[in-house]
Amino acid sequence: MTWRAAAVAAVIITVVVYAIGSGVWVSTGSAWYVALEKPAWQPPPWVFGVIWPYNFVVIAVVGSVIAWNAAPGRVVTVLVLLGITVALAIAWAYLFYVPHELTWAAIALTATAALTLPITAIAFAERWWLGALLVPYQVWVALAASLSWGYVAKAVS
C-alpha cells in the first residue's frame, strides 16, 4: 500500500468514526433534549437529516482527493486537522447529550469550526471545487457552534 493509499484510507476511517462516534451520544428524542428551550435560529429537524449525510460524503471525497493529490505537507496537515476536528465534534456530542456540559460542548464545537477553516482553505488551494464543496460544511459547523452557544445562553438565563 502506498502512503497516498494509506492517507485515503485514513480519511475514510476518520469519516466513518465521525459518523458513528457522533451518533453514539446524540439523542434528540430524550426527555432532556425535548425539554430544552431551543435557540430561535435552530433549523427544523429535517435539515439535520439532509446536511449530515452531505457533510460526511463531502468530507470523505474532499479529504480523499487531497490525500491522493496534494503535496505531502498539505496531506499531513489535513489529516491532523481532520482528526482533531472529528475528536472535538465527538466530544461535543458526548458533552452536550450525556453530562449536559453545555459550555464545554460549545467550546469544543467552536474549536471544531475554527480548525475546519484551514482544511477549507487547503481544499480551495488544491482545487476551487473542493473548497466549494466544503463551504456548506463550514457554514454548518459555524451554525452548530452558534446554536451550542445559544443553548448556553438559554440555560444561564
C-alpha atoms as a PDB file:
ATOM      1  CA  MET A   1       0.000   0.000   0.000  1.00  0.00           C
ATOM      2  CA  THR A   2       1.403   3.397  -0.956  1.00  0.00           C
ATOM      3  CA  TRP A   3       1.455   6.235   1.533  1.00  0.00           C
ATOM      4  CA  ARG A   4      -1.204   8.003  -0.542  1.00  0.00           C
ATOM      5  CA  ALA A   5      -3.497   4.976  -0.401  1.00  0.00           C
ATOM      6  CA  ALA A   6      -2.886   4.846   3.359  1.00  0.00           C
ATOM      7  CA  ALA A   7      -3.754   8.549   3.605  1.00  0.00           C
ATOM      8  CA  VAL A   8      -7.010   7.994   1.691  1.00  0.00           C
ATOM      9  CA  ALA A   9      -7.801   5.052   3.981  1.00  0.00           C
ATOM     10  CA  ALA A  10      -7.112   7.277   6.998  1.00  0.00           C
ATOM     11  CA  VAL A  11      -9.566   9.871   5.665  1.00  0.00           C
ATOM     12  CA  ILE A  12     -12.287   7.264   5.108  1.00  0.00           C
ATOM     13  CA  ILE A  13     -11.734   5.666   8.518  1.00  0.00           C
ATOM     14  CA  THR A  14     -11.839   9.093  10.186  1.00  0.00           C
ATOM     15  CA  VAL A  15     -15.129   9.957   8.475  1.00  0.00           C
ATOM     16  CA  VAL A  16     -16.637   6.601   9.485  1.00  0.00           C
ATOM     17  CA  VAL A  17     -15.507   7.188  13.082  1.00  0.00           C
ATOM     18  CA  TYR A  18     -17.070  10.671  12.870  1.00  0.00           C
ATOM     19  CA  ALA A  19     -20.395   9.341  11.576  1.00  0.00           C
ATOM     20  CA  ILE A  20     -20.605   6.531  14.112  1.00  0.00           C
ATOM     21  CA  GLY A  21     -18.983   8.335  17.033  1.00  0.00           C
ATOM     22  CA  SER A  22     -21.146  11.426  16.878  1.00  0.00           C
ATOM     23  CA  GLY A  23     -24.270   9.295  16.589  1.00  0.00           C
ATOM     24  CA  VAL A  24     -23.491   7.261  19.696  1.00  0.00           C
ATOM     25  CA  TRP A  25     -24.463  10.048  22.089  1.00  0.00           C
ATOM     26  CA  VAL A  26     -26.804  12.241  20.047  1.00  0.00           C
ATOM     27  CA  SER A  27     -30.294  11.749  21.420  1.00  0.00           C
ATOM     28  CA  THR A  28     -32.717  14.352  20.108  1.00  0.00           C
ATOM     29  CA  GLY A  29     -35.653  12.300  21.367  1.00  0.00           C
ATOM     30  CA  SER A  30     -34.546  12.258  25.001  1.00  0.00           C
ATOM     31  CA  ALA A  31     -36.737  13.989  27.573  1.00  0.00           C
ATOM     32  CA  TRP A  32     -33.836  16.288  28.455  1.00  0.00           C
ATOM     33  CA  TYR A  33     -33.328  17.459  24.869  1.00  0.00           C
ATOM     34  CA  VAL A  34     -37.035  17.796  24.113  1.00  0.00           C
ATOM     35  CA  ALA A  35     -37.437  19.994  27.217  1.00  0.00           C
ATOM     36  CA  LEU A  36     -34.560  22.298  26.235  1.00  0.00           C
ATOM     37  CA  GLU A  37     -35.527  25.745  25.065  1.00  0.00           C
ATOM     38  CA  LYS A  38     -34.147  25.928  21.531  1.00  0.00           C
ATOM     39  CA  PRO A  39     -32.392  28.969  20.070  1.00  0.00           C
ATOM     40  CA  ALA A  40     -34.649  30.862  17.651  1.00  0.00           C
ATOM     41  CA  TRP A  41     -32.304  30.172  14.723  1.00  0.00           C
ATOM     42  CA  GLN A  42     -32.283  26.381  15.118  1.00  0.00           C
ATOM     43  CA  PRO A  43     -33.234  24.773  11.800  1.00  0.00           C
ATOM     44  CA  PRO A  44     -36.112  22.297  11.628  1.00  0.00           C
ATOM     45  CA  PRO A  45     -35.212  18.641  12.299  1.00  0.00           C
ATOM     46  CA  TRP A  46     -35.345  17.584   8.634  1.00  0.00           C
ATOM     47  CA  VAL A  47     -32.392  19.875   7.842  1.00  0.00           C
ATOM     48  CA  PHE A  48     -30.149  17.784  10.097  1.00  0.00           C
ATOM     49  CA  GLY A  49     -31.166  14.660   8.179  1.00  0.00           C
ATOM     50  CA  VAL A  50     -30.175  16.298   4.891  1.00  0.00           C
ATOM     51  CA  ILE A  51     -26.981  18.101   5.851  1.00  0.00           C
ATOM     52  CA  TRP A  52     -25.188  15.364   7.796  1.00  0.00           C
ATOM     53  CA  PRO A  53     -25.113  12.742   5.035  1.00  0.00           C
ATOM     54  CA  TYR A  54     -23.927  15.502   2.666  1.00  0.00           C
ATOM     55  CA  ASN A  55     -21.230  16.549   5.144  1.00  0.00           C
ATOM     56  CA  PHE A  56     -19.897  13.027   5.644  1.00  0.00           C
ATOM     57  CA  VAL A  57     -19.767  12.288   1.906  1.00  0.00           C
ATOM     58  CA  VAL A  58     -18.119  15.622   1.094  1.00  0.00           C
ATOM     59  CA  ILE A  59     -15.510  15.316   3.838  1.00  0.00           C
ATOM     60  CA  ALA A  60     -14.643  11.833   2.559  1.00  0.00           C
ATOM     61  CA  VAL A  61     -14.448  12.979  -1.082  1.00  0.00           C
ATOM     62  CA  VAL A  62     -12.504  16.182  -0.430  1.00  0.00           C
ATOM     63  CA  GLY A  63     -10.162  14.514   2.051  1.00  0.00           C
ATOM     64  CA  SER A  64      -9.523  11.619  -0.318  1.00  0.00           C
ATOM     65  CA  VAL A  65      -8.781  13.866  -3.303  1.00  0.00           C
ATOM     66  CA  ILE A  66      -6.386  15.928  -1.197  1.00  0.00           C
ATOM     67  CA  ALA A  67      -4.763  12.787   0.236  1.00  0.00           C
ATOM     68  CA  TRP A  68      -4.234  11.389  -3.258  1.00  0.00           C
ATOM     69  CA  ASN A  69      -3.037  14.579  -4.990  1.00  0.00           C
ATOM     70  CA  ALA A  70      -1.725  17.242  -2.626  1.00  0.00           C
ATOM     71  CA  ALA A  71       1.835  17.857  -1.507  1.00  0.00           C
ATOM     72  CA  PRO A  72       2.798  15.662   1.464  1.00  0.00           C
ATOM     73  CA  GLY A  73       2.803  18.598   3.888  1.00  0.00           C
ATOM     74  CA  ARG A  74      -0.749  19.512   2.961  1.00  0.00           C
ATOM     75  CA  VAL A  75      -1.866  15.904   3.250  1.00  0.00           C
ATOM     76  CA  VAL A  76      -0.422  15.627   6.754  1.00  0.00           C
ATOM     77  CA  THR A  77      -1.942  18.977   7.750  1.00  0.00           C
ATOM     78  CA  VAL A  78      -5.403  17.949   6.547  1.00  0.00           C
ATOM     79  CA  LEU A  79      -5.167  14.533   8.230  1.00  0.00           C
ATOM     80  CA  VAL A  80      -4.081  16.038  11.554  1.00  0.00           C
ATOM     81  CA  LEU A  81      -6.721  18.784  11.462  1.00  0.00           C
ATOM     82  CA  LEU A  82      -9.410  16.339  10.376  1.00  0.00           C
ATOM     83  CA  GLY A  83      -8.518  14.027  13.249  1.00  0.00           C
ATOM     84  CA  ILE A  84      -8.608  16.870  15.764  1.00  0.00           C
ATOM     85  CA  THR A  85     -11.895  18.299  14.463  1.00  0.00           C
ATOM     86  CA  VAL A  86     -13.532  14.869  14.484  1.00  0.00           C
ATOM     87  CA  ALA A  87     -12.361  14.253  18.062  1.00  0.00           C
ATOM     88  CA  LEU A  88     -13.725  17.654  19.091  1.00  0.00           C
ATOM     89  CA  ALA A  89     -17.051  17.083  17.323  1.00  0.00           C
ATOM     90  CA  ILE A  90     -17.457  13.701  19.007  1.00  0.00           C
ATOM     91  CA  ALA A  91     -16.511  15.335  22.319  1.00  0.00           C
ATOM     92  CA  TRP A  92     -19.264  17.900  21.687  1.00  0.00           C
ATOM     93  CA  ALA A  93     -21.841  15.123  21.200  1.00  0.00           C
ATOM     94  CA  TYR A  94     -20.776  13.478  24.441  1.00  0.00           C
ATOM     95  CA  LEU A  95     -20.521  16.697  26.478  1.00  0.00           C
ATOM     96  CA  PHE A  96     -23.837  18.045  25.217  1.00  0.00           C
ATOM     97  CA  TYR A  97     -26.001  14.930  25.438  1.00  0.00           C
ATOM     98  CA  VAL A  98     -24.510  12.903  28.298  1.00  0.00           C
ATOM     99  CA  PRO A  99     -23.306  15.090  31.195  1.00  0.00           C
ATOM    100  CA  HIS A 100     -25.069  18.157  29.686  1.00  0.00           C
ATOM    101  CA  GLU A 101     -21.918  20.271  29.968  1.00  0.00           C
ATOM    102  CA  LEU A 102     -23.224  22.904  27.581  1.00  0.00           C
ATOM    103  CA  THR A 103     -20.364  25.378  27.935  1.00  0.00           C
ATOM    104  CA  TRP A 104     -17.658  22.767  27.364  1.00  0.00           C
ATOM    105  CA  ALA A 105     -19.661  21.388  24.453  1.00  0.00           C
ATOM    106  CA  ALA A 106     -19.872  24.864  22.904  1.00  0.00           C
ATOM    107  CA  ILE A 107     -16.127  25.353  23.342  1.00  0.00           C
ATOM    108  CA  ALA A 108     -15.443  22.018  21.610  1.00  0.00           C
ATOM    109  CA  LEU A 109     -17.708  22.896  18.690  1.00  0.00           C
ATOM    110  CA  THR A 110     -16.247  26.389  18.359  1.00  0.00           C
ATOM    111  CA  ALA A 111     -12.780  24.845  18.156  1.00  0.00           C
ATOM    112  CA  THR A 112     -14.103  22.425  15.524  1.00  0.00           C
ATOM    113  CA  ALA A 113     -15.427  25.319  13.437  1.00  0.00           C
ATOM    114  CA  ALA A 114     -12.159  27.245  13.777  1.00  0.00           C
ATOM    115  CA  LEU A 115      -9.960  24.272  12.869  1.00  0.00           C
ATOM    116  CA  THR A 116     -12.125  23.435   9.870  1.00  0.00           C
ATOM    117  CA  LEU A 117     -11.192  26.794   8.298  1.00  0.00           C
ATOM    118  CA  PRO A 118      -7.639  25.731   7.358  1.00  0.00           C
ATOM    119  CA  ILE A 119      -8.991  22.489   5.879  1.00  0.00           C
ATOM    120  CA  THR A 120     -11.354  24.534   3.711  1.00  0.00           C
ATOM    121  CA  ALA A 121      -8.518  26.901   2.736  1.00  0.00           C
ATOM    122  CA  ILE A 122      -6.304  23.978   1.710  1.00  0.00           C
ATOM    123  CA  ALA A 123      -9.183  22.490  -0.268  1.00  0.00           C
ATOM    124  CA  PHE A 124      -9.637  25.781  -2.160  1.00  0.00           C
ATOM    125  CA  ALA A 125      -5.883  25.975  -2.772  1.00  0.00           C
ATOM    126  CA  GLU A 126      -5.858  22.465  -4.242  1.00  0.00           C
ATOM    127  CA  ARG A 127      -8.912  22.813  -6.463  1.00  0.00           C
ATOM    128  CA  TRP A 128     -11.561  25.516  -6.266  1.00  0.00           C
ATOM    129  CA  TRP A 129     -14.389  22.979  -6.440  1.00  0.00           C
ATOM    130  CA  LEU A 130     -13.033  21.038  -3.451  1.00  0.00           C
ATOM    131  CA  GLY A 131     -13.225  24.193  -1.376  1.00  0.00           C
ATOM    132  CA  ALA A 132     -16.687  24.962  -2.740  1.00  0.00           C
ATOM    133  CA  LEU A 133     -17.875  21.501  -1.700  1.00  0.00           C
ATOM    134  CA  LEU A 134     -16.711  22.179   1.874  1.00  0.00           C
ATOM    135  CA  VAL A 135     -18.419  25.569   2.205  1.00  0.00           C
ATOM    136  CA  PRO A 136     -21.774  24.085   3.335  1.00  0.00           C
ATOM    137  CA  TYR A 137     -19.946  22.001   5.958  1.00  0.00           C
ATOM    138  CA  GLN A 138     -18.016  25.044   7.145  1.00  0.00           C
ATOM    139  CA  VAL A 139     -21.233  27.064   7.394  1.00  0.00           C
ATOM    140  CA  TRP A 140     -22.982  24.188   9.154  1.00  0.00           C
ATOM    141  CA  VAL A 141     -20.258  23.754  11.769  1.00  0.00           C
ATOM    142  CA  ALA A 142     -20.254  27.511  12.434  1.00  0.00           C
ATOM    143  CA  LEU A 143     -24.053  27.476  12.742  1.00  0.00           C
ATOM    144  CA  ALA A 144     -23.858  24.454  15.050  1.00  0.00           C
ATOM    145  CA  ALA A 145     -21.321  26.259  17.251  1.00  0.00           C
ATOM    146  CA  SER A 146     -23.594  29.303  17.420  1.00  0.00           C
ATOM    147  CA  LEU A 147     -26.532  27.045  18.329  1.00  0.00           C
ATOM    148  CA  SER A 148     -24.436  25.455  21.045  1.00  0.00           C
ATOM    149  CA  TRP A 149     -23.700  28.901  22.490  1.00  0.00           C
ATOM    150  CA  GLY A 150     -27.399  29.706  22.130  1.00  0.00           C
ATOM    151  CA  TYR A 151     -28.170  26.727  24.364  1.00  0.00           C
ATOM    152  CA  VAL A 152     -25.622  28.006  26.882  1.00  0.00           C
ATOM    153  CA  ALA A 153     -27.268  31.448  26.898  1.00  0.00           C
ATOM    154  CA  LYS A 154     -30.741  29.960  27.357  1.00  0.00           C
ATOM    155  CA  ALA A 155     -29.531  27.698  30.188  1.00  0.00           C
ATOM    156  CA  VAL A 156     -27.945  30.641  32.015  1.00  0.00           C
ATOM    157  CA  SER A 157     -30.989  32.900  31.742  1.00  0.00           C
END
